[in-house]
C-alpha atoms as a PDB file:
ATOM      1  CA  UNK A   1     -73.911 -39.837 -97.291  1.00  0.00           C
ATOM      2  CA  UNK A   2     -76.224 -42.191 -98.786  1.00  0.00           C
ATOM      3  CA  UNK A   3     -80.057 -42.019 -98.235  1.00  0.00           C
ATOM      4  CA  UNK A   4     -80.006 -44.961 -96.251  1.00  0.00           C
ATOM      5  CA  UNK A   5     -77.410 -43.632 -93.853  1.00  0.00           C
ATOM      6  CA  UNK A   6     -79.182 -40.572 -93.546  1.00  0.00           C
ATOM      7  CA  UNK A   7     -82.496 -42.364 -92.749  1.00  0.00           C
ATOM      8  CA  UNK A   8     -80.729 -44.687 -90.159  1.00  0.00           C
ATOM      9  CA  UNK A   9     -79.022 -41.560 -88.467  1.00  0.00           C
ATOM     10  CA  UNK A  10     -82.199 -39.899 -88.366  1.00  0.00           C
ATOM     11  CA  UNK A  11     -84.465 -42.544 -87.417  1.00  0.00           C
ATOM     12  CA  UNK A  12     -81.854 -43.585 -84.071  1.00  0.00           C
ATOM     13  CA  UNK A  13     -81.911 -39.889 -83.399  1.00  0.00           C
ATOM     14  CA  UNK A  14     -85.669 -39.955 -83.137  1.00  0.00           C
ATOM     15  CA  UNK A  15     -85.600 -43.162 -80.941  1.00  0.00           C
ATOM     16  CA  UNK A  16     -83.139 -41.807 -78.707  1.00  0.00           C
ATOM     17  CA  UNK A  17     -85.408 -38.473 -78.111  1.00  0.00           C
ATOM     18  CA  UNK A  18     -88.580 -40.636 -77.863  1.00  0.00           C
ATOM     19  CA  UNK A  19     -86.841 -43.014 -75.150  1.00  0.00           C
ATOM     20  CA  UNK A  20     -85.482 -39.718 -73.375  1.00  0.00           C
ATOM     21  CA  UNK A  21     -88.941 -38.287 -72.884  1.00  0.00           C
ATOM     22  CA  UNK A  22     -90.866 -41.291 -72.237  1.00  0.00           C
ATOM     23  CA  UNK A  23     -88.238 -42.870 -69.667  1.00  0.00           C
ATOM     24  CA  UNK A  24     -88.675 -39.489 -67.854  1.00  0.00           C
ATOM     25  CA  UNK A  25     -92.258 -39.683 -67.402  1.00  0.00           C
ATOM     26  CA  UNK A  26     -93.048 -39.962 -63.583  1.00  0.00           C
ATOM     27  CA  UNK A  27     -94.205 -43.221 -62.489  1.00  0.00           C
ATOM     28  CA  UNK A  28     -97.405 -42.160 -61.284  1.00  0.00           C
ATOM     29  CA  UNK A  29     -98.216 -40.670 -64.840  1.00  0.00           C
ATOM     30  CA  UNK A  30     -97.058 -43.301 -67.130  1.00  0.00           C
ATOM     31  CA  UNK A  31    -100.700 -44.498 -67.527  1.00  0.00           C
ATOM     32  CA  UNK A  32    -102.361 -41.393 -66.782  1.00  0.00           C
ATOM     33  CA  UNK A  33    -104.414 -39.817 -69.675  1.00  0.00           C
ATOM     34  CA  UNK A  34    -105.089 -35.945 -70.098  1.00  0.00           C
ATOM     35  CA  UNK A  35    -108.677 -36.737 -71.203  1.00  0.00           C
ATOM     36  CA  UNK A  36    -110.808 -39.577 -71.664  1.00  0.00           C
ATOM     37  CA  UNK A  37    -110.006 -39.898 -75.480  1.00  0.00           C
ATOM     38  CA  UNK A  38    -106.477 -39.450 -75.079  1.00  0.00           C
ATOM     39  CA  UNK A  39    -103.865 -42.159 -74.620  1.00  0.00           C
ATOM     40  CA  UNK A  40    -101.299 -42.600 -72.041  1.00  0.00           C
ATOM     41  CA  UNK A  41     -97.330 -42.610 -72.305  1.00  0.00           C
ATOM     42  CA  UNK A  42     -97.359 -46.342 -72.267  1.00  0.00           C
ATOM     43  CA  UNK A  43    -100.093 -46.928 -74.652  1.00  0.00           C
ATOM     44  CA  UNK A  44     -98.135 -44.333 -77.191  1.00  0.00           C
ATOM     45  CA  UNK A  45     -94.966 -46.478 -76.702  1.00  0.00           C
ATOM     46  CA  UNK A  46     -96.746 -49.829 -77.251  1.00  0.00           C
ATOM     47  CA  UNK A  47     -98.049 -48.298 -80.340  1.00  0.00           C
ATOM     48  CA  UNK A  48     -94.564 -47.413 -81.465  1.00  0.00           C
ATOM     49  CA  UNK A  49     -93.290 -50.807 -80.685  1.00  0.00           C
ATOM     50  CA  UNK A  50     -96.087 -52.342 -82.700  1.00  0.00           C
ATOM     51  CA  UNK A  51     -95.367 -50.363 -85.744  1.00  0.00           C
ATOM     52  CA  UNK A  52     -91.707 -51.257 -85.566  1.00  0.00           C
ATOM     53  CA  UNK A  53     -92.185 -55.089 -85.055  1.00  0.00           C
ATOM     54  CA  UNK A  54     -94.922 -54.968 -87.783  1.00  0.00           C
ATOM     55  CA  UNK A  55     -92.285 -53.323 -90.187  1.00  0.00           C
ATOM     56  CA  UNK A  56     -89.884 -55.927 -89.388  1.00  0.00           C
ATOM     57  CA  UNK A  57     -92.147 -58.838 -90.015  1.00  0.00           C
ATOM     58  CA  UNK A  58     -93.407 -57.336 -93.145  1.00  0.00           C
ATOM     59  CA  UNK A  59     -89.966 -56.524 -94.638  1.00  0.00           C
ATOM     60  CA  UNK A  60     -88.936 -60.092 -94.206  1.00  0.00           C
ATOM     61  CA  UNK A  61     -92.012 -61.426 -96.018  1.00  0.00           C
ATOM     62  CA  UNK A  62     -92.002 -58.737 -98.926  1.00  0.00           C
ATOM     63  CA  UNK A  63     -94.435 -56.543 -97.304  1.00  0.00           C
ATOM     64  CA  UNK A  64     -97.171 -59.016 -97.842  1.00  0.00           C
ATOM     65  CA  UNK A  65     -98.187 -58.433 -93.948  1.00  0.00           C
ATOM     66  CA  UNK A  66     -98.409 -55.153 -93.776  1.00  0.00           C
ATOM     67  CA  UNK A  67    -102.242 -55.098 -93.062  1.00  0.00           C
ATOM     68  CA  UNK A  68    -104.729 -53.679 -90.927  1.00  0.00           C
ATOM     69  CA  UNK A  69    -105.328 -57.367 -89.435  1.00  0.00           C
ATOM     70  CA  UNK A  70    -101.370 -57.862 -88.930  1.00  0.00           C
ATOM     71  CA  UNK A  71    -101.172 -54.328 -87.150  1.00  0.00           C
ATOM     72  CA  UNK A  72    -103.837 -55.220 -84.624  1.00  0.00           C
ATOM     73  CA  UNK A  73    -102.014 -58.535 -83.772  1.00  0.00           C
ATOM     74  CA  UNK A  74     -98.843 -56.581 -83.075  1.00  0.00           C
ATOM     75  CA  UNK A  75    -100.914 -54.083 -81.172  1.00  0.00           C
ATOM     76  CA  UNK A  76    -102.061 -56.902 -78.973  1.00  0.00           C
ATOM     77  CA  UNK A  77     -98.716 -58.231 -78.497  1.00  0.00           C
ATOM     78  CA  UNK A  78     -97.018 -54.822 -77.608  1.00  0.00           C
ATOM     79  CA  UNK A  79     -99.863 -54.409 -75.106  1.00  0.00           C
ATOM     80  CA  UNK A  80     -98.447 -57.659 -73.390  1.00  0.00           C
ATOM     81  CA  UNK A  81     -95.582 -55.327 -72.191  1.00  0.00           C
ATOM     82  CA  UNK A  82     -97.106 -53.615 -69.119  1.00  0.00           C
ATOM     83  CA  UNK A  83     -93.615 -52.002 -67.980  1.00  0.00           C
ATOM     84  CA  UNK A  84     -92.764 -48.802 -69.594  1.00  0.00           C
ATOM     85  CA  UNK A  85     -89.160 -49.823 -69.386  1.00  0.00           C
ATOM     86  CA  UNK A  86     -89.789 -53.297 -71.124  1.00  0.00           C
ATOM     87  CA  UNK A  87     -91.815 -51.538 -73.769  1.00  0.00           C
ATOM     88  CA  UNK A  88     -88.819 -48.919 -74.400  1.00  0.00           C
ATOM     89  CA  UNK A  89     -86.388 -51.928 -74.301  1.00  0.00           C
ATOM     90  CA  UNK A  90     -88.334 -53.676 -77.050  1.00  0.00           C
ATOM     91  CA  UNK A  91     -88.767 -50.553 -79.076  1.00  0.00           C
ATOM     92  CA  UNK A  92     -84.817 -49.991 -79.075  1.00  0.00           C
ATOM     93  CA  UNK A  93     -84.391 -53.814 -80.068  1.00  0.00           C
ATOM     94  CA  UNK A  94     -87.136 -53.508 -82.934  1.00  0.00           C
ATOM     95  CA  UNK A  95     -86.081 -50.356 -84.371  1.00  0.00           C
ATOM     96  CA  UNK A  96     -82.391 -51.680 -84.449  1.00  0.00           C
ATOM     97  CA  UNK A  97     -83.906 -55.010 -86.199  1.00  0.00           C
ATOM     98  CA  UNK A  98     -86.011 -53.042 -88.501  1.00  0.00           C
ATOM     99  CA  UNK A  99     -82.816 -50.862 -89.465  1.00  0.00           C
ATOM    100  CA  UNK A 100     -80.729 -54.163 -90.106  1.00  0.00           C
ATOM    101  CA  UNK A 101     -83.381 -55.404 -92.415  1.00  0.00           C
ATOM    102  CA  UNK A 102     -83.898 -52.654 -94.416  1.00  0.00           C
ATOM    103  CA  UNK A 103     -79.783 -51.920 -94.698  1.00  0.00           C
ATOM    104  CA  UNK A 104     -80.228 -55.069 -96.956  1.00  0.00           C
ATOM    105  CA  UNK A 105     -82.255 -53.531 -99.506  1.00  0.00           C
ATOM    106  CA  UNK A 106     -79.879 -52.590-102.457  1.00  0.00           C
ATOM    107  CA  UNK A 107     -80.242 -48.866-103.185  1.00  0.00           C
ATOM    108  CA  UNK A 108     -82.039 -50.007-106.688  1.00  0.00           C
ATOM    109  CA  UNK A 109     -84.795 -51.150-104.859  1.00  0.00           C
ATOM    110  CA  UNK A 110     -85.724 -48.387-102.417  1.00  0.00           C
ATOM    111  CA  UNK A 111     -88.050 -46.800-104.891  1.00  0.00           C
ATOM    112  CA  UNK A 112     -89.788 -50.170-105.646  1.00  0.00           C
ATOM    113  CA  UNK A 113     -93.662 -49.823-104.604  1.00  0.00           C
ATOM    114  CA  UNK A 114     -95.172 -52.666-102.914  1.00  0.00           C
ATOM    115  CA  UNK A 115     -99.214 -53.000-102.001  1.00  0.00           C
ATOM    116  CA  UNK A 116     -99.861 -52.869 -98.478  1.00  0.00           C
ATOM    117  CA  UNK A 117    -103.221 -52.851 -96.370  1.00  0.00           C
ATOM    118  CA  UNK A 118    -103.173 -48.947 -96.712  1.00  0.00           C
ATOM    119  CA  UNK A 119    -102.383 -48.831-100.442  1.00  0.00           C
ATOM    120  CA  UNK A 120     -99.288 -48.788-102.399  1.00  0.00           C
ATOM    121  CA  UNK A 121     -96.056 -47.409-100.736  1.00  0.00           C
ATOM    122  CA  UNK A 122     -92.490 -47.409-101.788  1.00  0.00           C
ATOM    123  CA  UNK A 123     -89.816 -49.399 -99.640  1.00  0.00           C
ATOM    124  CA  UNK A 124     -88.299 -45.968 -98.847  1.00  0.00           C
ATOM    125  CA  UNK A 125     -91.858 -44.652 -97.505  1.00  0.00           C
ATOM    126  CA  UNK A 126     -92.223 -47.795 -95.183  1.00  0.00           C
ATOM    127  CA  UNK A 127     -88.689 -47.315 -93.385  1.00  0.00           C
ATOM    128  CA  UNK A 128     -89.678 -43.266 -92.992  1.00  0.00           C
ATOM    129  CA  UNK A 129     -92.934 -44.595 -91.581  1.00  0.00           C
ATOM    130  CA  UNK A 130     -91.161 -45.723 -88.355  1.00  0.00           C
ATOM    131  CA  UNK A 131     -89.198 -42.475 -88.323  1.00  0.00           C
ATOM    132  CA  UNK A 132     -92.156 -40.256 -88.719  1.00  0.00           C
ATOM    133  CA  UNK A 133     -94.353 -42.289 -86.149  1.00  0.00           C
ATOM    134  CA  UNK A 134     -91.804 -41.804 -83.631  1.00  0.00           C
ATOM    135  CA  UNK A 135     -91.328 -38.069 -84.046  1.00  0.00           C
ATOM    136  CA  UNK A 136     -95.135 -37.678 -84.039  1.00  0.00           C
ATOM    137  CA  UNK A 137     -95.762 -39.601 -80.853  1.00  0.00           C
ATOM    138  CA  UNK A 138     -92.487 -37.954 -79.267  1.00  0.00           C
ATOM    139  CA  UNK A 139     -94.416 -34.593 -79.332  1.00  0.00           C
ATOM    140  CA  UNK A 140     -97.534 -36.045 -77.820  1.00  0.00           C
ATOM    141  CA  UNK A 141     -95.643 -37.316 -74.864  1.00  0.00           C
ATOM    142  CA  UNK A 142     -93.733 -33.995 -74.481  1.00  0.00           C
ATOM    143  CA  UNK A 143     -97.340 -32.417 -74.533  1.00  0.00           C
ATOM    144  CA  UNK A 144     -98.800 -35.019 -71.942  1.00  0.00           C
ATOM    145  CA  UNK A 145     -95.739 -34.057 -69.749  1.00  0.00           C
ATOM    146  CA  UNK A 146     -96.486 -30.176 -69.852  1.00  0.00           C
ATOM    147  CA  UNK A 147     -99.970 -30.771 -69.012  1.00  0.00           C
ATOM    148  CA  UNK A 148     -98.932 -32.319 -65.691  1.00  0.00           C
ATOM    149  CA  UNK A 149     -96.275 -29.924 -65.267  1.00  0.00           C
ATOM    150  CA  UNK A 150     -92.963 -31.213 -66.525  1.00  0.00           C
ATOM    151  CA  UNK A 151     -91.517 -28.554 -68.403  1.00  0.00           C
ATOM    152  CA  UNK A 152     -88.097 -30.040 -68.894  1.00  0.00           C
ATOM    153  CA  UNK A 153     -86.140 -30.619 -71.882  1.00  0.00           C
ATOM    154  CA  UNK A 154     -85.498 -34.375 -71.534  1.00  0.00           C
ATOM    155  CA  UNK A 155     -82.968 -35.103 -74.819  1.00  0.00           C
END
């Protein structure tokens, strides 16, 4: 199996689990925060959508827009989706778009380093950023659910 195929498979698996957990959040808890400094399930989902969209746009523009300013703009766009179902639907679409964009990169370019607003990163690291972001935030959603009493496995 090629590195991209493994990456694609694992990213889609992470997306599926993320959506499974987020969509099982009870309606009265979608905007709930376990503390004033925490974020809600919808806010976490909006952030994952923002990153997916930022990576799609940046990849099409040779990563020149992978900056803090563009990140903030994408976060503001994602916050425009106020229904969890809409956020998750968009997250699925943007993740698939992201994978299609990265699929076009020739294998020899995966190690190419590009300058981003967060320092130099390889193209491979940039793609993995979305996978890692999804799995990190999946854990947060699962933890939020346990705090309000949902102890089910949602995968």
